[in-house]
């Protein structure tokens, strides 16, 4: 059966890395947030550590909307993995609800997964060379400021919460698969 996995966590928590491991286990299509954001950021001249204007974010949201619409045309057997960082702002719940609604329209289970990681480890990860592959945040100071200002959206009651500082990406992916097998 197909699923819609939603991996949510702060920058550096391993959303894409866990998503790749989960994709390898399940065959699900990985549609990480940089797949939709980076083309817009590149076209607008936004750097990995630069500020993003509201107008540029709106363009990113348009691209995400097109991806969600395309998912409705996917074969029923195709699972999807989406990733995102959601701030503690109340309006961020709309992102979760949009994907719940999409899963319901496709007739597939929605699997929210909240990835956590202590701030010192997140700061250490900002400096990893693989973060330069995409327009990912790479400044530990900006990360600390972002986390202090915006925080993280708390997990919904049905979310699986996993600390990526204590688990390898492969083990995290296996825990997610085990979770869906247990909860049906």
N, C-alpha and C. Protein backbone atom coordinates (compact mmCIF):
# COMPACT_ATOMS: atom_id res chain seq x y z
N UNK A 1 0.84 -1.19 0.00
CA UNK A 1 0.00 0.00 0.00
C UNK A 1 0.88 1.24 0.00
N UNK A 2 0.43 2.24 -0.67
CA UNK A 2 1.13 3.51 -0.76
C UNK A 2 0.92 4.32 0.52
N UNK A 3 1.86 5.22 0.80
CA UNK A 3 1.77 6.12 1.96
C UNK A 3 2.22 7.51 1.54
N UNK A 4 1.86 8.50 2.32
CA UNK A 4 2.41 9.84 2.18
C UNK A 4 3.16 10.12 3.48
N UNK A 5 4.49 10.09 3.40
CA UNK A 5 5.34 10.36 4.55
C UNK A 5 5.67 11.85 4.57
N UNK A 6 5.58 12.46 5.75
CA UNK A 6 5.93 13.87 5.88
C UNK A 6 6.99 13.98 6.97
N UNK A 7 8.24 14.20 6.54
CA UNK A 7 9.36 14.32 7.48
C UNK A 7 9.57 15.80 7.80
N UNK A 8 9.38 16.14 9.06
CA UNK A 8 9.45 17.53 9.50
C UNK A 8 10.54 17.64 10.57
N UNK A 9 11.35 18.67 10.45
CA UNK A 9 12.39 18.89 11.45
C UNK A 9 13.18 20.15 11.12
N UNK A 10 13.96 20.61 12.07
CA UNK A 10 14.74 21.83 11.85
C UNK A 10 15.86 21.60 10.83
N UNK A 11 16.45 22.68 10.32
CA UNK A 11 17.58 22.53 9.42
C UNK A 11 18.68 21.71 10.08
N UNK A 12 19.20 20.73 9.33
CA UNK A 12 20.26 19.89 9.86
C UNK A 12 19.79 18.65 10.58
N UNK A 13 18.48 18.45 10.71
CA UNK A 13 17.97 17.29 11.44
C UNK A 13 18.03 16.01 10.62
N UNK A 14 18.34 16.12 9.34
CA UNK A 14 18.49 14.93 8.51
C UNK A 14 17.28 14.55 7.70
N UNK A 15 16.42 15.51 7.40
CA UNK A 15 15.20 15.19 6.66
C UNK A 15 15.49 14.52 5.32
N UNK A 16 16.35 15.12 4.52
CA UNK A 16 16.67 14.56 3.20
C UNK A 16 17.44 13.25 3.33
N UNK A 17 18.37 13.18 4.27
CA UNK A 17 19.16 11.97 4.45
C UNK A 17 18.28 10.81 4.89
N UNK A 18 17.40 11.05 5.84
CA UNK A 18 16.45 10.02 6.28
C UNK A 18 15.50 9.69 5.13
N UNK A 19 15.07 10.73 4.40
CA UNK A 19 14.19 10.50 3.26
C UNK A 19 14.81 9.60 2.22
N UNK A 20 16.11 9.77 1.95
CA UNK A 20 16.80 8.90 1.00
C UNK A 20 16.83 7.46 1.50
N UNK A 21 17.09 7.28 2.79
CA UNK A 21 17.10 5.93 3.37
C UNK A 21 15.70 5.31 3.33
N UNK A 22 14.68 6.12 3.62
CA UNK A 22 13.30 5.63 3.59
C UNK A 22 12.89 5.28 2.16
N UNK A 23 13.32 6.09 1.21
CA UNK A 23 13.04 5.82 -0.20
C UNK A 23 13.68 4.50 -0.63
N UNK A 24 14.91 4.27 -0.19
CA UNK A 24 15.60 3.02 -0.52
C UNK A 24 14.86 1.81 0.05
N UNK A 25 14.28 1.95 1.23
CA UNK A 25 13.54 0.84 1.87
C UNK A 25 12.17 0.60 1.24
N UNK A 26 11.50 1.67 0.84
CA UNK A 26 10.10 1.57 0.44
C UNK A 26 9.83 1.78 -1.04
N UNK A 27 10.78 2.39 -1.75
CA UNK A 27 10.55 2.74 -3.15
C UNK A 27 9.75 4.02 -3.31
N UNK A 28 9.48 4.71 -2.22
CA UNK A 28 8.71 5.96 -2.27
C UNK A 28 9.52 7.05 -2.98
N UNK A 29 8.81 7.93 -3.67
CA UNK A 29 9.44 9.06 -4.34
C UNK A 29 9.78 10.13 -3.30
N UNK A 30 11.04 10.54 -3.26
CA UNK A 30 11.48 11.58 -2.32
C UNK A 30 11.36 12.94 -2.97
N UNK A 31 10.51 13.78 -2.40
CA UNK A 31 10.30 15.14 -2.89
C UNK A 31 10.68 16.10 -1.76
N UNK A 32 11.98 16.25 -1.53
CA UNK A 32 12.40 17.06 -0.40
C UNK A 32 12.19 18.54 -0.68
N UNK A 33 12.15 19.34 0.37
CA UNK A 33 11.83 20.75 0.25
C UNK A 33 12.82 21.52 -0.64
N UNK A 34 14.04 21.05 -0.75
CA UNK A 34 15.00 21.75 -1.62
C UNK A 34 14.73 21.48 -3.09
N UNK A 35 14.03 20.40 -3.39
CA UNK A 35 13.65 20.13 -4.77
C UNK A 35 12.71 21.22 -5.28
N UNK A 36 11.85 21.73 -4.40
CA UNK A 36 10.91 22.78 -4.80
C UNK A 36 11.45 24.18 -4.55
N UNK A 37 12.23 24.35 -3.50
CA UNK A 37 12.72 25.69 -3.15
C UNK A 37 13.92 26.14 -3.97
N UNK A 38 14.88 25.24 -4.16
CA UNK A 38 16.15 25.66 -4.76
C UNK A 38 16.04 26.25 -6.16
N UNK A 39 15.21 25.70 -7.07
CA UNK A 39 15.12 26.35 -8.38
C UNK A 39 14.63 27.80 -8.29
N UNK A 40 13.70 28.04 -7.39
CA UNK A 40 13.19 29.40 -7.20
C UNK A 40 14.28 30.28 -6.58
N UNK A 41 14.95 29.76 -5.54
CA UNK A 41 16.03 30.52 -4.90
C UNK A 41 17.13 30.85 -5.90
N UNK A 42 17.53 29.87 -6.71
CA UNK A 42 18.58 30.10 -7.70
C UNK A 42 18.16 31.17 -8.70
N UNK A 43 16.94 31.06 -9.20
CA UNK A 43 16.45 32.04 -10.18
C UNK A 43 16.36 33.44 -9.60
N UNK A 44 16.06 33.53 -8.30
CA UNK A 44 15.91 34.84 -7.64
C UNK A 44 17.23 35.35 -7.06
N UNK A 45 18.29 34.55 -7.16
CA UNK A 45 19.59 34.99 -6.64
C UNK A 45 19.70 34.93 -5.14
N UNK A 46 18.95 34.03 -4.49
CA UNK A 46 19.00 33.89 -3.04
C UNK A 46 20.11 32.90 -2.69
N UNK A 47 20.98 33.28 -1.78
CA UNK A 47 22.06 32.37 -1.36
C UNK A 47 21.57 31.48 -0.23
N UNK A 48 22.38 30.47 0.09
CA UNK A 48 21.98 29.51 1.12
C UNK A 48 21.78 30.16 2.48
N UNK A 49 22.49 31.23 2.76
CA UNK A 49 22.36 31.89 4.06
C UNK A 49 21.69 33.26 3.95
N UNK A 50 21.12 33.55 2.77
CA UNK A 50 20.49 34.85 2.56
C UNK A 50 19.04 34.89 3.02
N UNK A 51 18.55 36.08 3.17
CA UNK A 51 17.14 36.28 3.52
C UNK A 51 16.27 36.01 2.30
N UNK A 52 15.09 35.49 2.52
CA UNK A 52 14.16 35.19 1.44
C UNK A 52 12.95 36.10 1.59
N UNK A 53 12.65 36.85 0.54
CA UNK A 53 11.52 37.78 0.60
C UNK A 53 10.20 37.03 0.55
N UNK A 54 9.16 37.69 0.98
CA UNK A 54 7.83 37.09 0.96
C UNK A 54 7.42 36.73 -0.47
N UNK A 55 7.79 37.55 -1.44
CA UNK A 55 7.45 37.29 -2.84
C UNK A 55 8.11 36.01 -3.35
N UNK A 56 9.37 35.80 -2.97
CA UNK A 56 10.08 34.59 -3.40
C UNK A 56 9.48 33.36 -2.71
N UNK A 57 9.13 33.49 -1.42
CA UNK A 57 8.47 32.36 -0.74
C UNK A 57 7.16 32.02 -1.44
N UNK A 58 6.41 33.01 -1.87
CA UNK A 58 5.14 32.75 -2.58
C UNK A 58 5.38 31.93 -3.84
N UNK A 59 6.47 32.22 -4.54
CA UNK A 59 6.81 31.43 -5.73
C UNK A 59 7.14 29.99 -5.34
N UNK A 60 7.84 29.80 -4.23
CA UNK A 60 8.12 28.44 -3.73
C UNK A 60 6.81 27.72 -3.42
N UNK A 61 5.86 28.43 -2.81
CA UNK A 61 4.58 27.81 -2.48
C UNK A 61 3.83 27.42 -3.75
N UNK A 62 3.97 28.23 -4.82
CA UNK A 62 3.34 27.89 -6.10
C UNK A 62 3.92 26.58 -6.65
N UNK A 63 5.24 26.44 -6.56
CA UNK A 63 5.89 25.21 -7.04
C UNK A 63 5.41 24.02 -6.20
N UNK A 64 5.36 24.19 -4.88
CA UNK A 64 4.88 23.11 -4.02
C UNK A 64 3.44 22.72 -4.37
N UNK A 65 2.62 23.72 -4.68
CA UNK A 65 1.24 23.44 -5.07
C UNK A 65 1.18 22.61 -6.35
N UNK A 66 2.06 22.92 -7.29
CA UNK A 66 2.11 22.14 -8.54
C UNK A 66 2.55 20.70 -8.26
N UNK A 67 3.50 20.53 -7.35
CA UNK A 67 3.95 19.17 -7.00
C UNK A 67 2.82 18.40 -6.33
N UNK A 68 2.11 19.04 -5.41
CA UNK A 68 0.98 18.36 -4.77
C UNK A 68 -0.08 17.98 -5.80
N UNK A 69 -0.36 18.85 -6.75
CA UNK A 69 -1.34 18.55 -7.80
C UNK A 69 -0.87 17.36 -8.63
N UNK A 70 0.42 17.31 -8.95
CA UNK A 70 0.96 16.20 -9.73
C UNK A 70 0.84 14.88 -8.97
N UNK A 71 0.97 14.94 -7.66
CA UNK A 71 0.88 13.72 -6.85
C UNK A 71 -0.50 13.07 -6.98
N UNK A 72 -1.52 13.86 -7.26
CA UNK A 72 -2.86 13.31 -7.45
C UNK A 72 -2.95 12.44 -8.70
N UNK A 73 -2.01 12.62 -9.62
CA UNK A 73 -2.00 11.84 -10.86
C UNK A 73 -1.09 10.62 -10.78
N UNK A 74 -0.46 10.42 -9.63
CA UNK A 74 0.47 9.30 -9.46
C UNK A 74 -0.30 7.98 -9.41
N UNK A 75 0.35 6.90 -9.85
CA UNK A 75 -0.29 5.59 -9.70
C UNK A 75 -0.59 5.32 -8.23
N UNK A 76 -1.66 4.61 -7.94
CA UNK A 76 -2.04 4.37 -6.53
C UNK A 76 -0.97 3.64 -5.72
N UNK A 77 -0.07 2.94 -6.39
CA UNK A 77 0.97 2.19 -5.68
C UNK A 77 2.18 3.04 -5.32
N UNK A 78 2.26 4.25 -5.85
CA UNK A 78 3.44 5.09 -5.60
C UNK A 78 3.30 5.83 -4.27
N UNK A 79 4.24 5.59 -3.39
CA UNK A 79 4.31 6.32 -2.11
C UNK A 79 5.15 7.57 -2.31
N UNK A 80 4.96 8.55 -1.45
CA UNK A 80 5.71 9.81 -1.53
C UNK A 80 6.29 10.16 -0.16
N UNK A 81 7.45 10.81 -0.21
CA UNK A 81 8.09 11.34 0.99
C UNK A 81 8.29 12.83 0.75
N UNK A 82 7.72 13.66 1.61
CA UNK A 82 7.95 15.10 1.54
C UNK A 82 8.67 15.53 2.81
N UNK A 83 9.48 16.58 2.70
CA UNK A 83 10.22 17.08 3.86
C UNK A 83 9.96 18.57 4.02
N UNK A 84 10.13 19.03 5.26
CA UNK A 84 9.93 20.46 5.51
C UNK A 84 10.42 20.82 6.91
N UNK A 85 10.77 22.08 7.06
CA UNK A 85 10.97 22.68 8.38
C UNK A 85 9.77 23.56 8.62
N UNK A 86 9.09 23.36 9.72
CA UNK A 86 7.92 24.17 10.08
C UNK A 86 8.22 24.92 11.36
N UNK A 87 8.06 26.23 11.30
CA UNK A 87 8.28 27.05 12.49
C UNK A 87 7.11 26.88 13.46
N UNK A 88 7.25 27.43 14.64
CA UNK A 88 6.22 27.31 15.68
C UNK A 88 5.02 28.22 15.45
N UNK A 89 4.96 28.88 14.30
CA UNK A 89 3.83 29.76 14.01
C UNK A 89 2.56 28.93 13.76
N UNK A 90 1.44 29.41 14.25
CA UNK A 90 0.17 28.70 14.12
C UNK A 90 -0.19 28.44 12.66
N UNK A 91 0.16 29.34 11.75
CA UNK A 91 -0.19 29.17 10.33
C UNK A 91 0.50 27.96 9.70
N UNK A 92 1.57 27.46 10.31
CA UNK A 92 2.29 26.31 9.75
C UNK A 92 1.47 25.03 9.80
N UNK A 93 0.45 24.98 10.68
CA UNK A 93 -0.40 23.79 10.73
C UNK A 93 -1.10 23.57 9.40
N UNK A 94 -1.29 24.64 8.63
CA UNK A 94 -1.95 24.50 7.32
C UNK A 94 -1.14 23.58 6.40
N UNK A 95 0.19 23.62 6.51
CA UNK A 95 1.02 22.71 5.70
C UNK A 95 0.72 21.25 6.03
N UNK A 96 0.57 20.97 7.31
CA UNK A 96 0.26 19.60 7.73
C UNK A 96 -1.11 19.19 7.22
N UNK A 97 -2.08 20.07 7.36
CA UNK A 97 -3.45 19.76 6.94
C UNK A 97 -3.55 19.57 5.43
N UNK A 98 -2.81 20.39 4.65
CA UNK A 98 -2.82 20.22 3.19
C UNK A 98 -2.39 18.80 2.80
N UNK A 99 -1.36 18.32 3.46
CA UNK A 99 -0.87 16.98 3.12
C UNK A 99 -1.79 15.89 3.65
N UNK A 100 -2.43 16.11 4.80
CA UNK A 100 -3.44 15.16 5.27
C UNK A 100 -4.57 15.05 4.23
N UNK A 101 -5.00 16.21 3.74
CA UNK A 101 -6.07 16.24 2.75
C UNK A 101 -5.64 15.55 1.46
N UNK A 102 -4.41 15.78 1.05
CA UNK A 102 -3.89 15.14 -0.16
C UNK A 102 -3.86 13.63 0.00
N UNK A 103 -3.38 13.16 1.14
CA UNK A 103 -3.36 11.71 1.40
C UNK A 103 -4.78 11.15 1.36
N UNK A 104 -5.72 11.86 1.96
CA UNK A 104 -7.11 11.39 1.95
C UNK A 104 -7.65 11.33 0.52
N UNK A 105 -7.36 12.33 -0.29
CA UNK A 105 -7.81 12.32 -1.70
C UNK A 105 -7.21 11.15 -2.46
N UNK A 106 -5.97 10.80 -2.14
CA UNK A 106 -5.31 9.67 -2.81
C UNK A 106 -5.73 8.34 -2.20
N UNK A 107 -6.37 8.39 -1.01
CA UNK A 107 -6.78 7.17 -0.34
C UNK A 107 -5.60 6.41 0.26
N UNK A 108 -4.59 7.16 0.73
CA UNK A 108 -3.39 6.54 1.32
C UNK A 108 -3.20 7.06 2.74
N UNK A 109 -2.53 6.28 3.58
CA UNK A 109 -2.25 6.75 4.94
C UNK A 109 -1.27 7.93 4.94
N UNK A 110 -1.52 8.87 5.82
CA UNK A 110 -0.64 10.00 6.06
C UNK A 110 0.23 9.65 7.26
N UNK A 111 1.55 9.77 7.09
CA UNK A 111 2.48 9.39 8.15
C UNK A 111 3.35 10.60 8.52
N UNK A 112 2.94 11.37 9.54
CA UNK A 112 3.77 12.50 9.97
C UNK A 112 4.91 12.01 10.87
N UNK A 113 6.13 12.42 10.52
CA UNK A 113 7.31 12.04 11.28
C UNK A 113 8.06 13.31 11.65
N UNK A 114 8.21 13.54 12.96
CA UNK A 114 8.92 14.72 13.45
C UNK A 114 10.33 14.30 13.84
N UNK A 115 11.31 14.87 13.17
CA UNK A 115 12.71 14.57 13.46
C UNK A 115 13.25 15.64 14.41
N UNK A 116 13.83 15.21 15.50
CA UNK A 116 14.41 16.13 16.47
C UNK A 116 15.92 15.92 16.52
N UNK A 117 16.59 16.91 17.07
CA UNK A 117 18.05 16.83 17.20
C UNK A 117 18.46 17.99 18.10
N UNK A 118 19.33 17.76 19.08
CA UNK A 118 19.76 18.85 19.97
C UNK A 118 20.48 19.96 19.18
N UNK A 119 20.29 21.18 19.62
CA UNK A 119 20.86 22.34 18.93
C UNK A 119 22.38 22.23 18.72
N UNK A 120 23.17 21.81 19.71
CA UNK A 120 24.62 21.71 19.45
C UNK A 120 24.94 20.76 18.29
N UNK A 121 24.20 19.69 18.16
CA UNK A 121 24.43 18.76 17.05
C UNK A 121 23.98 19.39 15.73
N UNK A 122 22.86 20.10 15.74
CA UNK A 122 22.41 20.80 14.53
C UNK A 122 23.47 21.81 14.08
N UNK A 123 24.02 22.54 15.04
CA UNK A 123 25.07 23.53 14.72
C UNK A 123 26.29 22.83 14.11
N UNK A 124 26.67 21.69 14.65
CA UNK A 124 27.81 20.95 14.10
C UNK A 124 27.53 20.52 12.66
N UNK A 125 26.31 20.08 12.42
CA UNK A 125 25.94 19.61 11.09
C UNK A 125 25.91 20.73 10.06
N UNK A 126 25.71 21.96 10.50
CA UNK A 126 25.69 23.08 9.55
C UNK A 126 26.99 23.15 8.74
N UNK A 127 28.08 22.68 9.33
CA UNK A 127 29.40 22.79 8.71
C UNK A 127 29.75 21.60 7.83
N UNK A 128 28.90 20.60 7.74
CA UNK A 128 29.20 19.42 6.92
C UNK A 128 29.20 19.79 5.44
N UNK A 129 30.19 19.30 4.69
CA UNK A 129 30.32 19.68 3.28
C UNK A 129 29.12 19.31 2.42
N UNK A 130 28.41 18.22 2.75
CA UNK A 130 27.27 17.82 1.93
C UNK A 130 26.12 18.84 1.96
N UNK A 131 26.13 19.74 2.94
CA UNK A 131 25.08 20.77 2.98
C UNK A 131 25.24 21.77 1.84
N UNK A 132 26.43 21.82 1.23
CA UNK A 132 26.67 22.74 0.11
C UNK A 132 26.09 22.20 -1.20
N UNK A 133 25.70 20.90 -1.22
CA UNK A 133 25.13 20.32 -2.43
C UNK A 133 23.85 21.02 -2.87
N UNK A 134 23.13 21.52 -1.92
CA UNK A 134 21.89 22.24 -2.19
C UNK A 134 21.96 23.55 -1.42
N UNK A 135 21.00 24.41 -1.63
CA UNK A 135 21.01 25.70 -0.95
C UNK A 135 20.53 25.57 0.49
N UNK A 136 21.24 24.79 1.25
CA UNK A 136 20.89 24.54 2.65
C UNK A 136 21.58 25.56 3.54
N UNK A 137 20.93 25.87 4.64
CA UNK A 137 21.51 26.75 5.65
C UNK A 137 22.82 26.12 6.13
N UNK A 138 23.89 26.94 6.21
CA UNK A 138 25.19 26.42 6.61
C UNK A 138 25.85 27.26 7.69
N UNK A 139 25.16 28.23 8.21
CA UNK A 139 25.74 29.13 9.21
C UNK A 139 25.17 28.77 10.58
N UNK A 140 26.01 28.23 11.50
CA UNK A 140 25.50 27.87 12.83
C UNK A 140 24.88 29.04 13.59
N UNK A 141 25.43 30.23 13.42
CA UNK A 141 24.88 31.40 14.10
C UNK A 141 23.47 31.72 13.58
N UNK A 142 23.29 31.68 12.26
CA UNK A 142 21.94 31.92 11.69
C UNK A 142 20.97 30.84 12.14
N UNK A 143 21.45 29.61 12.24
CA UNK A 143 20.59 28.53 12.74
C UNK A 143 20.13 28.84 14.15
N UNK A 144 21.07 29.21 15.02
CA UNK A 144 20.74 29.51 16.42
C UNK A 144 19.71 30.65 16.49
N UNK A 145 19.92 31.69 15.67
CA UNK A 145 18.98 32.82 15.63
C UNK A 145 17.60 32.37 15.14
N UNK A 146 17.58 31.54 14.09
CA UNK A 146 16.32 31.04 13.56
C UNK A 146 15.57 30.22 14.60
N UNK A 147 16.28 29.35 15.28
CA UNK A 147 15.64 28.49 16.27
C UNK A 147 15.13 29.31 17.45
N UNK A 148 15.88 30.34 17.84
CA UNK A 148 15.44 31.19 18.95
C UNK A 148 14.21 32.01 18.56
N UNK A 149 14.19 32.48 17.33
CA UNK A 149 13.11 33.34 16.86
C UNK A 149 11.87 32.54 16.44
N UNK A 150 12.08 31.49 15.63
CA UNK A 150 10.95 30.80 15.01
C UNK A 150 10.60 29.48 15.66
N UNK A 151 11.56 28.81 16.26
CA UNK A 151 11.30 27.52 16.92
C UNK A 151 10.85 26.45 15.96
N UNK A 152 10.24 25.41 16.50
CA UNK A 152 9.72 24.28 15.74
C UNK A 152 8.25 24.08 16.05
N UNK A 153 7.49 23.74 15.03
CA UNK A 153 6.09 23.38 15.24
C UNK A 153 6.05 22.09 16.05
N UNK A 154 5.26 22.03 17.12
CA UNK A 154 5.20 20.77 17.89
C UNK A 154 4.56 19.68 17.05
N UNK A 155 4.88 18.43 17.33
CA UNK A 155 4.31 17.34 16.54
C UNK A 155 2.83 17.17 16.81
N UNK A 156 2.07 16.77 15.78
CA UNK A 156 0.66 16.44 16.02
C UNK A 156 0.58 15.15 16.84
N UNK A 157 -0.55 14.86 17.44
CA UNK A 157 -0.66 13.68 18.31
C UNK A 157 -0.35 12.35 17.62
N UNK A 158 -0.57 12.28 16.30
CA UNK A 158 -0.35 11.01 15.60
C UNK A 158 1.05 10.89 15.00
N UNK A 159 1.93 11.84 15.30
CA UNK A 159 3.28 11.83 14.70
C UNK A 159 4.20 10.85 15.42
N UNK A 160 5.09 10.28 14.64
CA UNK A 160 6.20 9.51 15.17
C UNK A 160 7.33 10.52 15.38
N UNK A 161 7.90 10.56 16.58
CA UNK A 161 8.98 11.50 16.91
C UNK A 161 10.26 10.70 17.08
N UNK A 162 11.30 11.09 16.32
CA UNK A 162 12.57 10.37 16.36
C UNK A 162 13.72 11.37 16.49
N UNK A 163 14.66 11.07 17.38
CA UNK A 163 15.84 11.90 17.58
C UNK A 163 16.95 11.41 16.65
N UNK A 164 17.27 12.20 15.64
CA UNK A 164 18.27 11.77 14.65
C UNK A 164 19.70 11.87 15.15
N UNK A 165 19.90 12.42 16.34
CA UNK A 165 21.26 12.42 16.90
C UNK A 165 21.58 11.06 17.51
N UNK A 166 20.54 10.28 17.78
CA UNK A 166 20.72 8.98 18.44
C UNK A 166 20.56 7.80 17.48
N UNK A 167 20.17 8.07 16.23
CA UNK A 167 19.89 7.00 15.27
C UNK A 167 20.57 7.29 13.94
N UNK A 168 21.03 6.26 13.26
CA UNK A 168 21.54 6.44 11.90
C UNK A 168 20.34 6.71 10.99
N UNK A 169 20.57 7.28 9.81
CA UNK A 169 19.45 7.46 8.88
C UNK A 169 18.77 6.14 8.51
N UNK A 170 19.55 5.10 8.35
CA UNK A 170 18.96 3.80 7.99
C UNK A 170 18.09 3.25 9.13
N UNK A 171 18.56 3.37 10.36
CA UNK A 171 17.77 2.91 11.50
C UNK A 171 16.52 3.78 11.67
N UNK A 172 16.65 5.07 11.43
CA UNK A 172 15.49 5.96 11.49
C UNK A 172 14.45 5.51 10.47
N UNK A 173 14.90 5.23 9.25
CA UNK A 173 13.98 4.77 8.20
C UNK A 173 13.32 3.45 8.59
N UNK A 174 14.08 2.54 9.17
CA UNK A 174 13.50 1.26 9.60
C UNK A 174 12.48 1.48 10.71
N UNK A 175 12.74 2.43 11.60
CA UNK A 175 11.75 2.73 12.67
C UNK A 175 10.45 3.27 12.06
N UNK A 176 10.58 4.08 11.01
CA UNK A 176 9.39 4.61 10.36
C UNK A 176 8.58 3.47 9.72
N UNK A 177 9.26 2.58 9.03
CA UNK A 177 8.59 1.44 8.41
C UNK A 177 7.96 0.56 9.49
N UNK A 178 8.67 0.32 10.59
CA UNK A 178 8.11 -0.46 11.70
C UNK A 178 6.87 0.21 12.28
N UNK A 179 6.89 1.52 12.37
CA UNK A 179 5.77 2.28 12.90
C UNK A 179 4.53 2.07 12.01
N UNK A 180 4.70 2.15 10.69
CA UNK A 180 3.52 1.99 9.83
C UNK A 180 3.03 0.54 9.84
N UNK A 181 3.93 -0.40 10.04
CA UNK A 181 3.51 -1.80 10.12
C UNK A 181 2.71 -2.05 11.40
N UNK A 182 3.12 -1.39 12.49
CA UNK A 182 2.41 -1.57 13.77
C UNK A 182 1.07 -0.85 13.80
N UNK A 183 1.01 0.33 13.18
CA UNK A 183 -0.21 1.14 13.25
C UNK A 183 -1.15 0.89 12.10
N UNK A 184 -0.70 0.12 11.12
CA UNK A 184 -1.53 -0.33 10.02
C UNK A 184 -1.91 0.70 9.06
